[in-house]
Amino acid sequence: MSYEFYRHLSDGQLLLLIPAFSVGIMFALSWGLRKTAWARKLIGYDEVLLDSATSNTMAGAYVVLGFVLVLAMTTVTDLENGVSEEATAIKSLERLLVLDGSSQALKSREQLLGYTKSILNDEWPVLPHGHGSSVTSSALNELYMSIDLIVPLGAKDEVVYSKILDQSARVAELRNKRNFSIESNLPHTFYVVSVLSILGFIIICALRLMEASATRAIALSAQVIMLNLMFSAILIVDLPYLGDTTTSAEPLIKAYESMQERTLVKY
């Protein structure tokens, strides 16, 4: 699904514009039906049927949107947990490099600090644009090359070095997982079903407004607004690096600060 049409909109704008646009469609469609004489003759007007259809479609749309919103919120939680896992993996790699203690391992630790700093300064700001940072990729490659130069001197060092290699691979894996989640995590089908459910409800509301009254117009507008507020919430939470409600880099910030502040005796 393309998000270019609202990539630069704030959460408040989404919550305002989408419901307003939907209400506008409802009134425009209803006005067109009332102005078209043949439509009234063709469709007829069955108030009991339309009342039943309105309540049924609204209930169905709420079920669909509620299900999709739960999926989106679950995905956001998984992404936040992923950032925490990435920070933990970076700290674990640092501890292993310190445990190795060789001069090359300590140089690799400096490379790890540089890589973590690049995530925060270079990569995180560009994630809303749909991609990672080439600067951060280069920093990760430099970290790999530095780790590759570590030479184990004994059995203990070989065990530690093996764990260093495993943990560095884990760091790269979690970065890739984070970057792959930049775009929508919900399948396109969920959005199609959600939009069609809302559209069906709007059409029935427009038919209901063919016999309009102020009370009916207000009630149906409120129902359309409520449905679209839920849909707007789905859009907001499904893209974790866009808008005002974004996935936080706080775990990575804390990991970087703790590594930066730690005093190493061997230094």
Protein backbone atom coordinates (compact mmCIF):
# COMPACT_ATOMS: atom_id res chain seq x y z
CA MET A 1 0.00 0.00 0.00
CA SER A 2 1.30 3.49 -0.88
CA TYR A 3 1.56 5.98 1.96
CA GLU A 4 2.87 8.94 0.00
CA PHE A 5 -0.45 10.77 0.31
CA TYR A 6 -0.07 11.15 4.07
CA ARG A 7 3.62 10.57 4.72
CA HIS A 8 4.04 14.21 5.74
CA LEU A 9 0.80 14.53 7.70
CA SER A 10 0.76 14.69 11.47
CA ASP A 11 -1.34 12.30 13.55
CA GLY A 12 -3.80 15.11 14.27
CA GLN A 13 -4.20 15.88 10.58
CA LEU A 14 -4.90 12.22 9.82
CA LEU A 15 -7.48 12.01 12.58
CA LEU A 16 -9.18 15.12 11.21
CA LEU A 17 -8.92 14.82 7.43
CA ILE A 18 -9.89 11.18 6.86
CA PRO A 19 -13.18 11.36 8.83
CA ALA A 20 -13.99 14.75 7.28
CA PHE A 21 -13.34 13.40 3.78
CA SER A 22 -15.57 10.38 4.42
CA VAL A 23 -18.42 12.52 5.73
CA GLY A 24 -18.07 14.72 2.66
CA ILE A 25 -18.37 11.67 0.40
CA MET A 26 -21.48 10.55 2.26
CA PHE A 27 -23.25 13.90 1.85
CA ALA A 28 -22.15 14.29 -1.78
CA LEU A 29 -23.42 10.81 -2.65
CA SER A 30 -26.70 11.42 -0.84
CA TRP A 31 -27.16 14.76 -2.59
CA GLY A 32 -26.53 13.12 -5.96
CA LEU A 33 -29.08 10.39 -5.25
CA ARG A 34 -31.72 12.90 -4.20
CA LYS A 35 -31.12 15.01 -7.30
CA THR A 36 -31.39 12.02 -9.61
CA ALA A 37 -35.06 11.24 -10.06
CA TRP A 38 -34.51 7.89 -11.78
CA ALA A 39 -32.32 6.69 -8.90
CA ARG A 40 -35.19 7.07 -6.46
CA LYS A 41 -37.51 5.16 -8.78
CA LEU A 42 -34.92 2.45 -9.40
CA ILE A 43 -33.76 2.05 -5.80
CA GLY A 44 -36.96 2.85 -3.97
CA TYR A 45 -36.82 3.70 -0.30
CA ASP A 46 -37.33 1.09 2.40
CA GLU A 47 -36.67 2.71 5.78
CA VAL A 48 -36.85 -0.53 7.76
CA LEU A 49 -34.39 -2.26 5.43
CA LEU A 50 -31.99 0.69 5.51
CA ASP A 51 -32.14 0.90 9.31
CA SER A 52 -31.25 -2.79 9.53
CA ALA A 53 -28.52 -2.47 6.91
CA THR A 54 -27.01 0.55 8.68
CA SER A 55 -26.72 -1.24 12.02
CA ASN A 56 -25.46 -4.48 10.46
CA THR A 57 -22.80 -2.87 8.26
CA MET A 58 -21.64 -0.64 11.10
CA ALA A 59 -21.25 -3.67 13.37
CA GLY A 60 -19.40 -5.57 10.64
CA ALA A 61 -17.11 -2.63 9.92
CA TYR A 62 -16.30 -2.28 13.62
CA VAL A 63 -15.40 -5.96 13.82
CA VAL A 64 -13.09 -5.71 10.80
CA LEU A 65 -11.42 -2.48 11.92
CA GLY A 66 -11.10 -3.68 15.50
CA PHE A 67 -9.38 -6.87 14.35
CA VAL A 68 -6.99 -4.95 12.10
CA LEU A 69 -6.22 -2.42 14.85
CA VAL A 70 -5.35 -5.22 17.28
CA LEU A 71 -2.99 -6.71 14.67
CA ALA A 72 -1.37 -3.31 14.12
CA MET A 73 -0.90 -2.72 17.85
CA THR A 74 0.61 -6.19 18.25
CA THR A 75 3.05 -5.42 15.45
CA VAL A 76 4.05 -2.13 17.08
CA THR A 77 4.74 -3.96 20.34
CA ASP A 78 6.90 -6.47 18.47
CA LEU A 79 8.87 -3.65 16.83
CA GLU A 80 9.48 -1.93 20.16
CA ASN A 81 10.65 -5.25 21.60
CA GLY A 82 12.93 -5.61 18.56
CA VAL A 83 14.62 -2.28 19.29
CA SER A 84 15.16 -3.40 22.89
CA GLU A 85 16.63 -6.69 21.64
CA GLU A 86 18.96 -4.79 19.31
CA ALA A 87 20.19 -2.62 22.19
CA THR A 88 20.72 -5.72 24.35
CA ALA A 89 22.66 -7.44 21.56
CA ILE A 90 24.93 -4.41 21.17
CA LYS A 91 25.63 -4.31 24.92
CA SER A 92 26.30 -8.06 24.96
CA LEU A 93 28.77 -7.70 22.09
CA GLU A 94 30.54 -4.92 23.94
CA ARG A 95 30.88 -7.06 27.07
CA LEU A 96 32.35 -9.90 25.03
CA LEU A 97 34.88 -7.55 23.41
CA VAL A 98 35.89 -6.29 26.85
CA LEU A 99 36.13 -9.89 28.08
CA ASP A 100 38.48 -10.71 25.21
CA GLY A 101 40.62 -7.79 26.32
CA SER A 102 43.09 -7.80 23.43
CA SER A 103 44.09 -4.50 21.87
CA GLN A 104 42.24 -5.41 18.67
CA ALA A 105 39.11 -6.34 20.62
CA LEU A 106 39.20 -2.96 22.36
CA LYS A 107 39.60 -1.27 18.97
CA SER A 108 36.56 -3.24 17.84
CA ARG A 109 34.72 -1.89 20.86
CA GLU A 110 35.43 1.62 19.61
CA GLN A 111 34.07 0.59 16.22
CA LEU A 112 30.95 -0.72 17.97
CA LEU A 113 30.53 2.63 19.70
CA GLY A 114 30.83 4.36 16.33
CA TYR A 115 28.29 2.01 14.80
CA THR A 116 25.78 2.61 17.60
CA LYS A 117 26.28 6.36 17.31
CA SER A 118 25.66 6.11 13.57
CA ILE A 119 22.37 4.31 14.18
CA LEU A 120 21.19 7.20 16.32
CA ASN A 121 22.59 10.11 14.31
CA ASP A 122 22.56 8.84 10.72
CA GLU A 123 20.04 6.02 10.40
CA TRP A 124 17.18 6.79 12.75
CA PRO A 125 16.42 10.23 11.23
CA VAL A 126 16.10 8.75 7.71
CA LEU A 127 13.91 5.77 8.62
CA PRO A 128 10.72 7.81 7.95
CA HIS A 129 11.91 8.11 4.33
CA GLY A 130 11.66 4.34 3.90
CA HIS A 131 15.31 3.24 4.02
CA GLY A 132 18.32 2.83 6.25
CA SER A 133 21.59 4.75 6.15
CA SER A 134 24.56 3.90 3.96
CA VAL A 135 26.78 5.55 6.59
CA THR A 136 25.52 3.08 9.20
CA SER A 137 26.04 0.19 6.79
CA SER A 138 29.65 1.31 6.32
CA ALA A 139 30.10 1.55 10.09
CA LEU A 140 28.81 -2.01 10.46
CA ASN A 141 31.21 -3.25 7.77
CA GLU A 142 34.10 -1.54 9.55
CA LEU A 143 33.06 -3.27 12.76
CA TYR A 144 33.08 -6.63 10.98
CA MET A 145 36.53 -6.00 9.53
CA SER A 146 37.86 -4.98 12.92
CA ILE A 147 36.44 -8.09 14.60
CA ASP A 148 37.93 -10.21 11.83
CA LEU A 149 41.40 -9.00 12.84
CA ILE A 150 41.07 -10.35 16.39
CA VAL A 151 43.49 -13.27 16.88
CA PRO A 152 42.58 -15.72 19.69
CA LEU A 153 45.67 -16.80 21.64
CA GLY A 154 44.28 -19.74 23.58
CA ALA A 155 41.33 -22.04 24.14
CA LYS A 156 39.52 -19.48 26.29
CA ASP A 157 40.07 -16.75 23.71
CA GLU A 158 38.72 -19.02 20.99
CA VAL A 159 35.51 -19.61 22.95
CA VAL A 160 35.08 -15.88 23.56
CA TYR A 161 35.87 -15.08 19.93
CA SER A 162 33.28 -17.59 18.76
CA LYS A 163 30.67 -15.86 20.90
CA ILE A 164 31.81 -12.47 19.55
CA LEU A 165 31.19 -13.69 16.01
CA ASP A 166 27.75 -15.03 16.94
CA GLN A 167 26.78 -11.82 18.70
CA SER A 168 28.00 -9.58 15.87
CA ALA A 169 25.85 -11.61 13.47
CA ARG A 170 22.93 -11.13 15.85
CA VAL A 171 23.49 -7.35 15.86
CA ALA A 172 23.38 -7.26 12.05
CA GLU A 173 20.31 -9.52 11.96
CA LEU A 174 18.36 -7.26 14.31
CA ARG A 175 19.31 -4.17 12.31
CA ASN A 176 18.03 -5.81 9.13
CA LYS A 177 14.82 -6.81 10.88
CA ARG A 178 14.30 -3.23 12.06
CA ASN A 179 14.91 -1.78 8.62
CA PHE A 180 12.61 -4.29 6.92
CA SER A 181 9.79 -3.10 9.21
CA ILE A 182 9.98 0.48 7.94
CA GLU A 183 7.03 -0.02 5.59
CA SER A 184 3.56 -1.25 6.48
CA ASN A 185 3.50 -4.50 8.43
CA LEU A 186 -0.15 -5.30 7.72
CA PRO A 187 -0.94 -7.24 4.55
CA HIS A 188 -2.52 -5.22 1.75
CA THR A 189 -5.64 -7.39 1.99
CA PHE A 190 -6.46 -6.02 5.44
CA TYR A 191 -6.53 -2.48 4.09
CA VAL A 192 -8.67 -3.49 1.12
CA VAL A 193 -11.22 -5.16 3.40
CA SER A 194 -11.19 -2.19 5.80
CA VAL A 195 -11.70 0.39 3.05
CA LEU A 196 -14.47 -1.65 1.40
CA SER A 197 -16.23 -2.07 4.75
CA ILE A 198 -16.14 1.68 5.36
CA LEU A 199 -17.22 2.41 1.79
CA GLY A 200 -20.17 0.04 2.08
CA PHE A 201 -21.25 1.74 5.28
CA ILE A 202 -20.94 5.20 3.68
CA ILE A 203 -23.11 4.11 0.73
CA ILE A 204 -25.83 2.79 3.02
CA CYS A 205 -25.68 5.99 5.09
CA ALA A 206 -26.03 8.02 1.89
CA LEU A 207 -29.13 6.02 0.98
CA ARG A 208 -30.45 6.58 4.49
CA LEU A 209 -30.03 10.34 3.99
CA MET A 210 -32.27 10.36 0.92
CA GLU A 211 -35.01 11.06 3.47
CA ALA A 212 -32.93 13.52 5.44
CA SER A 213 -33.51 15.24 8.77
CA ALA A 214 -31.07 17.18 10.92
CA THR A 215 -31.07 14.49 13.61
CA ARG A 216 -30.49 11.71 11.10
CA ALA A 217 -27.69 13.63 9.37
CA ILE A 218 -25.92 14.27 12.68
CA ALA A 219 -26.30 10.66 13.85
CA LEU A 220 -25.03 9.14 10.61
CA SER A 221 -22.16 11.64 10.42
CA ALA A 222 -21.11 10.69 13.95
CA GLN A 223 -21.12 7.00 13.02
CA VAL A 224 -19.01 7.60 9.90
CA ILE A 225 -16.59 9.74 11.91
CA MET A 226 -16.20 7.07 14.60
CA LEU A 227 -15.40 4.36 12.03
CA ASN A 228 -12.88 6.54 10.25
CA LEU A 229 -11.20 7.57 13.50
CA MET A 230 -10.50 3.89 14.08
CA PHE A 231 -9.17 3.53 10.52
CA SER A 232 -6.96 6.60 11.05
CA ALA A 233 -5.60 5.02 14.21
CA ILE A 234 -4.66 1.92 12.19
CA LEU A 235 -2.76 4.05 9.69
CA ILE A 236 -0.92 5.84 12.49
CA VAL A 237 0.27 2.76 14.35
CA ASP A 238 1.00 0.59 11.29
CA LEU A 239 3.94 2.75 10.14
CA PRO A 240 6.24 2.79 13.17
CA TYR A 241 8.65 5.49 11.96
CA LEU A 242 6.18 8.01 10.50
CA GLY A 243 4.05 10.71 12.07
CA ASP A 244 4.03 11.81 15.69
CA THR A 245 3.54 8.36 17.21
CA THR A 246 6.80 6.58 16.40
CA THR A 247 8.88 3.72 17.70
CA SER A 248 11.36 5.11 20.22
CA ALA A 249 15.13 4.75 19.98
CA GLU A 250 15.42 5.11 23.76
CA PRO A 251 16.85 1.59 24.37
CA LEU A 252 19.63 2.26 21.83
CA ILE A 253 20.30 5.68 23.35
CA LYS A 254 20.69 4.15 26.79
CA ALA A 255 22.95 1.40 25.42
CA TYR A 256 25.19 3.97 23.74
CA GLU A 257 25.35 6.16 26.83
CA SER A 258 26.19 3.24 29.11
CA MET A 259 29.01 2.10 26.80
CA GLN A 260 30.32 5.63 26.48
CA GLU A 261 30.36 6.23 30.22
CA ARG A 262 31.87 2.90 31.20
CA THR A 263 35.46 3.26 32.35
CA LEU A 264 37.69 0.41 31.29
CA VAL A 265 40.73 -0.28 33.39
CA LYS A 266 42.56 -1.66 30.38
CA TYR A 267 42.21 1.72 28.67
